[in-house]
Amino acid sequence: MKAGGTISFSENPSSVEVSKATSNSDEPSCEVIARWVQFEDGSTWGDITYADELLRNRAAIWNRLKQLDETYRNQGREQFALELQKQGQTEVDGYLGHLRSVQVRQGTEATINELEGHLTFAAARHVAGTP
């Protein structure tokens, strides 16, 4: 990321440190310190202890995404839509909130397409050796 660039999070970070502003400017600003990063090719940088929880959550999310895909393929769109609304683990639900939002805004077909994109991305990561 370049200075002045934009970053977005798919979920709220599990720990956020807030400190007082170091500038007298009225302009909004944010300072981000990267402690651990995983790159698209699967390589990583930083202290793996910061990633432990993330990697555990990622495995649980991937399992839930695969379950949703199986429900769609075996039981159809309506059952998929019902299954998506079921609440479970907090970490997984936080991630699934995105799919639920797509379903409300764009419908079940768009949500299934989004699910397939998530599964493709997760499978590529898995092949690279990380959950």
C-alpha atoms as a PDB file:
ATOM      1  CA  MET A   1       0.000   0.000   0.000  1.00  0.00           C
ATOM      2  CA  LYS A   2       1.242   3.443  -0.869  1.00  0.00           C
ATOM      3  CA  ALA A   3       1.057   6.466   1.392  1.00  0.00           C
ATOM      4  CA  GLY A   4      -2.372   7.993   1.034  1.00  0.00           C
ATOM      5  CA  GLY A   5      -3.807   4.714  -0.257  1.00  0.00           C
ATOM      6  CA  THR A   6      -7.045   3.101   0.817  1.00  0.00           C
ATOM      7  CA  ILE A   7      -7.559  -0.106   2.745  1.00  0.00           C
ATOM      8  CA  SER A   8     -10.801  -1.841   3.574  1.00  0.00           C
ATOM      9  CA  PHE A   9     -11.521  -4.609   6.042  1.00  0.00           C
ATOM     10  CA  SER A  10     -13.956  -7.446   5.375  1.00  0.00           C
ATOM     11  CA  GLU A  11     -14.660  -7.528   9.092  1.00  0.00           C
ATOM     12  CA  ASN A  12     -13.749  -5.511  12.151  1.00  0.00           C
ATOM     13  CA  PRO A  13     -10.216  -6.198  13.339  1.00  0.00           C
ATOM     14  CA  SER A  14     -10.193  -8.194  16.577  1.00  0.00           C
ATOM     15  CA  SER A  15      -7.977  -5.670  18.311  1.00  0.00           C
ATOM     16  CA  VAL A  16      -7.767  -1.991  17.626  1.00  0.00           C
ATOM     17  CA  GLU A  17      -5.531   0.404  19.476  1.00  0.00           C
ATOM     18  CA  VAL A  18      -6.756   3.976  19.709  1.00  0.00           C
ATOM     19  CA  SER A  19      -4.420   6.793  20.588  1.00  0.00           C
ATOM     20  CA  LYS A  20      -4.701  10.546  20.726  1.00  0.00           C
ATOM     21  CA  ALA A  21      -4.147  12.508  17.560  1.00  0.00           C
ATOM     22  CA  THR A  22      -0.557  13.525  16.958  1.00  0.00           C
ATOM     23  CA  SER A  23      -1.527  16.435  14.756  1.00  0.00           C
ATOM     24  CA  ASN A  24      -3.418  19.632  15.422  1.00  0.00           C
ATOM     25  CA  SER A  25      -5.076  19.379  12.010  1.00  0.00           C
ATOM     26  CA  ASP A  26      -8.859  19.185  11.710  1.00  0.00           C
ATOM     27  CA  GLU A  27      -8.471  16.824   8.750  1.00  0.00           C
ATOM     28  CA  PRO A  28      -9.421  13.220   9.536  1.00  0.00           C
ATOM     29  CA  SER A  29      -6.506  10.823   9.488  1.00  0.00           C
ATOM     30  CA  CYS A  30      -5.632   7.271  10.385  1.00  0.00           C
ATOM     31  CA  GLU A  31      -2.335   5.553  11.058  1.00  0.00           C
ATOM     32  CA  VAL A  32      -2.170   1.814  10.445  1.00  0.00           C
ATOM     33  CA  ILE A  33       0.622  -0.430  11.656  1.00  0.00           C
ATOM     34  CA  ALA A  34       0.887  -3.754   9.839  1.00  0.00           C
ATOM     35  CA  ARG A  35       1.848  -6.554  12.219  1.00  0.00           C
ATOM     36  CA  TRP A  36       1.179  -9.477   9.901  1.00  0.00           C
ATOM     37  CA  VAL A  37       0.301  -9.599   6.209  1.00  0.00           C
ATOM     38  CA  GLN A  38      -0.551 -12.425   3.849  1.00  0.00           C
ATOM     39  CA  PHE A  39       0.006 -11.682   0.194  1.00  0.00           C
ATOM     40  CA  GLU A  40      -2.033 -13.013  -2.714  1.00  0.00           C
ATOM     41  CA  ASP A  41       0.583 -15.673  -3.505  1.00  0.00           C
ATOM     42  CA  GLY A  42       0.281 -17.057   0.044  1.00  0.00           C
ATOM     43  CA  SER A  43       3.579 -15.673   1.319  1.00  0.00           C
ATOM     44  CA  THR A  44       3.515 -13.771   4.600  1.00  0.00           C
ATOM     45  CA  TRP A  45       5.351 -11.037   6.434  1.00  0.00           C
ATOM     46  CA  GLY A  46       5.375 -10.179  10.126  1.00  0.00           C
ATOM     47  CA  ASP A  47       4.702 -11.835  13.454  1.00  0.00           C
ATOM     48  CA  ILE A  48       2.569 -14.965  12.981  1.00  0.00           C
ATOM     49  CA  THR A  49       1.198 -14.657  16.526  1.00  0.00           C
ATOM     50  CA  TYR A  50      -0.976 -11.795  15.248  1.00  0.00           C
ATOM     51  CA  ALA A  51      -2.422 -14.147  12.614  1.00  0.00           C
ATOM     52  CA  ASP A  52      -3.304 -17.157  14.798  1.00  0.00           C
ATOM     53  CA  GLU A  53      -6.903 -16.097  15.467  1.00  0.00           C
ATOM     54  CA  LEU A  54      -7.402 -14.880  11.909  1.00  0.00           C
ATOM     55  CA  LEU A  55      -6.252 -18.198  10.459  1.00  0.00           C
ATOM     56  CA  ARG A  56      -8.504 -20.194  12.824  1.00  0.00           C
ATOM     57  CA  ASN A  57     -11.464 -18.009  11.871  1.00  0.00           C
ATOM     58  CA  ARG A  58     -10.617 -18.295   8.185  1.00  0.00           C
ATOM     59  CA  ALA A  59     -10.779 -22.101   8.367  1.00  0.00           C
ATOM     60  CA  ALA A  60     -14.191 -21.951  10.103  1.00  0.00           C
ATOM     61  CA  ILE A  61     -15.474 -19.465   7.516  1.00  0.00           C
ATOM     62  CA  TRP A  62     -14.278 -21.621   4.623  1.00  0.00           C
ATOM     63  CA  ASN A  63     -16.033 -24.656   6.101  1.00  0.00           C
ATOM     64  CA  ARG A  64     -19.279 -22.680   6.426  1.00  0.00           C
ATOM     65  CA  LEU A  65     -18.999 -21.384   2.860  1.00  0.00           C
ATOM     66  CA  LYS A  66     -18.551 -24.964   1.615  1.00  0.00           C
ATOM     67  CA  GLN A  67     -21.631 -26.042   3.618  1.00  0.00           C
ATOM     68  CA  LEU A  68     -23.695 -23.255   2.055  1.00  0.00           C
ATOM     69  CA  ASP A  69     -22.504 -24.251  -1.412  1.00  0.00           C
ATOM     70  CA  GLU A  70     -23.407 -27.881  -0.743  1.00  0.00           C
ATOM     71  CA  THR A  71     -26.873 -26.825   0.460  1.00  0.00           C
ATOM     72  CA  TYR A  72     -27.413 -24.866  -2.750  1.00  0.00           C
ATOM     73  CA  ARG A  73     -26.221 -27.707  -4.987  1.00  0.00           C
ATOM     74  CA  ASN A  74     -28.174 -30.447  -3.183  1.00  0.00           C
ATOM     75  CA  GLN A  75     -31.298 -28.640  -1.940  1.00  0.00           C
ATOM     76  CA  GLY A  76     -31.705 -25.620  -4.186  1.00  0.00           C
ATOM     77  CA  ARG A  77     -31.944 -21.850  -3.968  1.00  0.00           C
ATOM     78  CA  GLU A  78     -34.736 -21.596  -1.399  1.00  0.00           C
ATOM     79  CA  GLN A  79     -33.018 -23.843   1.123  1.00  0.00           C
ATOM     80  CA  PHE A  80     -29.739 -22.017   0.491  1.00  0.00           C
ATOM     81  CA  ALA A  81     -31.441 -18.697   1.283  1.00  0.00           C
ATOM     82  CA  LEU A  82     -32.860 -20.124   4.527  1.00  0.00           C
ATOM     83  CA  GLU A  83     -29.523 -21.670   5.515  1.00  0.00           C
ATOM     84  CA  LEU A  84     -27.700 -18.387   4.943  1.00  0.00           C
ATOM     85  CA  GLN A  85     -29.936 -16.683   7.518  1.00  0.00           C
ATOM     86  CA  LYS A  86     -29.043 -19.156  10.295  1.00  0.00           C
ATOM     87  CA  GLN A  87     -26.820 -17.640  12.960  1.00  0.00           C
ATOM     88  CA  GLY A  88     -23.855 -19.504  14.414  1.00  0.00           C
ATOM     89  CA  GLN A  89     -20.275 -18.676  15.383  1.00  0.00           C
ATOM     90  CA  THR A  90     -19.728 -14.942  15.818  1.00  0.00           C
ATOM     91  CA  GLU A  91     -16.612 -14.877  13.615  1.00  0.00           C
ATOM     92  CA  VAL A  92     -18.368 -16.737  10.823  1.00  0.00           C
ATOM     93  CA  ASP A  93     -21.534 -14.651  11.137  1.00  0.00           C
ATOM     94  CA  GLY A  94     -19.502 -11.473  10.866  1.00  0.00           C
ATOM     95  CA  TYR A  95     -18.146 -12.666   7.541  1.00  0.00           C
ATOM     96  CA  LEU A  96     -21.488 -13.990   6.306  1.00  0.00           C
ATOM     97  CA  GLY A  97     -23.033 -10.570   6.963  1.00  0.00           C
ATOM     98  CA  HIS A  98     -21.622  -9.532   3.598  1.00  0.00           C
ATOM     99  CA  LEU A  99     -23.443 -12.359   1.803  1.00  0.00           C
ATOM    100  CA  ARG A 100     -26.653 -11.592   3.671  1.00  0.00           C
ATOM    101  CA  SER A 101     -26.364  -7.978   2.583  1.00  0.00           C
ATOM    102  CA  VAL A 102     -25.916  -9.023  -1.061  1.00  0.00           C
ATOM    103  CA  GLN A 103     -28.991 -11.220  -0.754  1.00  0.00           C
ATOM    104  CA  VAL A 104     -31.114  -8.345   0.542  1.00  0.00           C
ATOM    105  CA  ARG A 105     -29.854  -5.834  -2.032  1.00  0.00           C
ATOM    106  CA  GLN A 106     -29.428  -8.020  -5.122  1.00  0.00           C
ATOM    107  CA  GLY A 107     -31.228 -11.321  -4.529  1.00  0.00           C
ATOM    108  CA  THR A 108     -30.312 -14.960  -4.110  1.00  0.00           C
ATOM    109  CA  GLU A 109     -28.760 -15.455  -7.555  1.00  0.00           C
ATOM    110  CA  ALA A 110     -26.249 -12.639  -6.969  1.00  0.00           C
ATOM    111  CA  THR A 111     -25.515 -14.098  -3.523  1.00  0.00           C
ATOM    112  CA  ILE A 112     -24.779 -17.517  -5.025  1.00  0.00           C
ATOM    113  CA  ASN A 113     -22.404 -15.876  -7.519  1.00  0.00           C
ATOM    114  CA  GLU A 114     -20.711 -14.015  -4.663  1.00  0.00           C
ATOM    115  CA  LEU A 115     -20.424 -17.269  -2.676  1.00  0.00           C
ATOM    116  CA  GLU A 116     -18.749 -18.959  -5.635  1.00  0.00           C
ATOM    117  CA  GLY A 117     -16.257 -16.092  -5.840  1.00  0.00           C
ATOM    118  CA  HIS A 118     -15.433 -16.432  -2.147  1.00  0.00           C
ATOM    119  CA  LEU A 119     -14.944 -20.192  -2.534  1.00  0.00           C
ATOM    120  CA  THR A 120     -12.663 -19.723  -5.553  1.00  0.00           C
ATOM    121  CA  PHE A 121     -10.548 -17.226  -3.635  1.00  0.00           C
ATOM    122  CA  ALA A 122     -10.413 -19.505  -0.555  1.00  0.00           C
ATOM    123  CA  ALA A 123      -9.438 -22.505  -2.685  1.00  0.00           C
ATOM    124  CA  ALA A 124      -6.575 -20.538  -4.240  1.00  0.00           C
ATOM    125  CA  ARG A 125      -5.352 -19.585  -0.795  1.00  0.00           C
ATOM    126  CA  HIS A 126      -5.629 -23.187   0.332  1.00  0.00           C
ATOM    127  CA  VAL A 127      -3.529 -24.346  -2.633  1.00  0.00           C
ATOM    128  CA  ALA A 128      -0.953 -21.704  -1.665  1.00  0.00           C
ATOM    129  CA  GLY A 129      -0.696 -23.487   1.698  1.00  0.00           C
ATOM    130  CA  THR A 130      -2.730 -21.294   4.009  1.00  0.00           C
ATOM    131  CA  PRO A 131      -6.294 -21.699   5.248  1.00  0.00           C
END
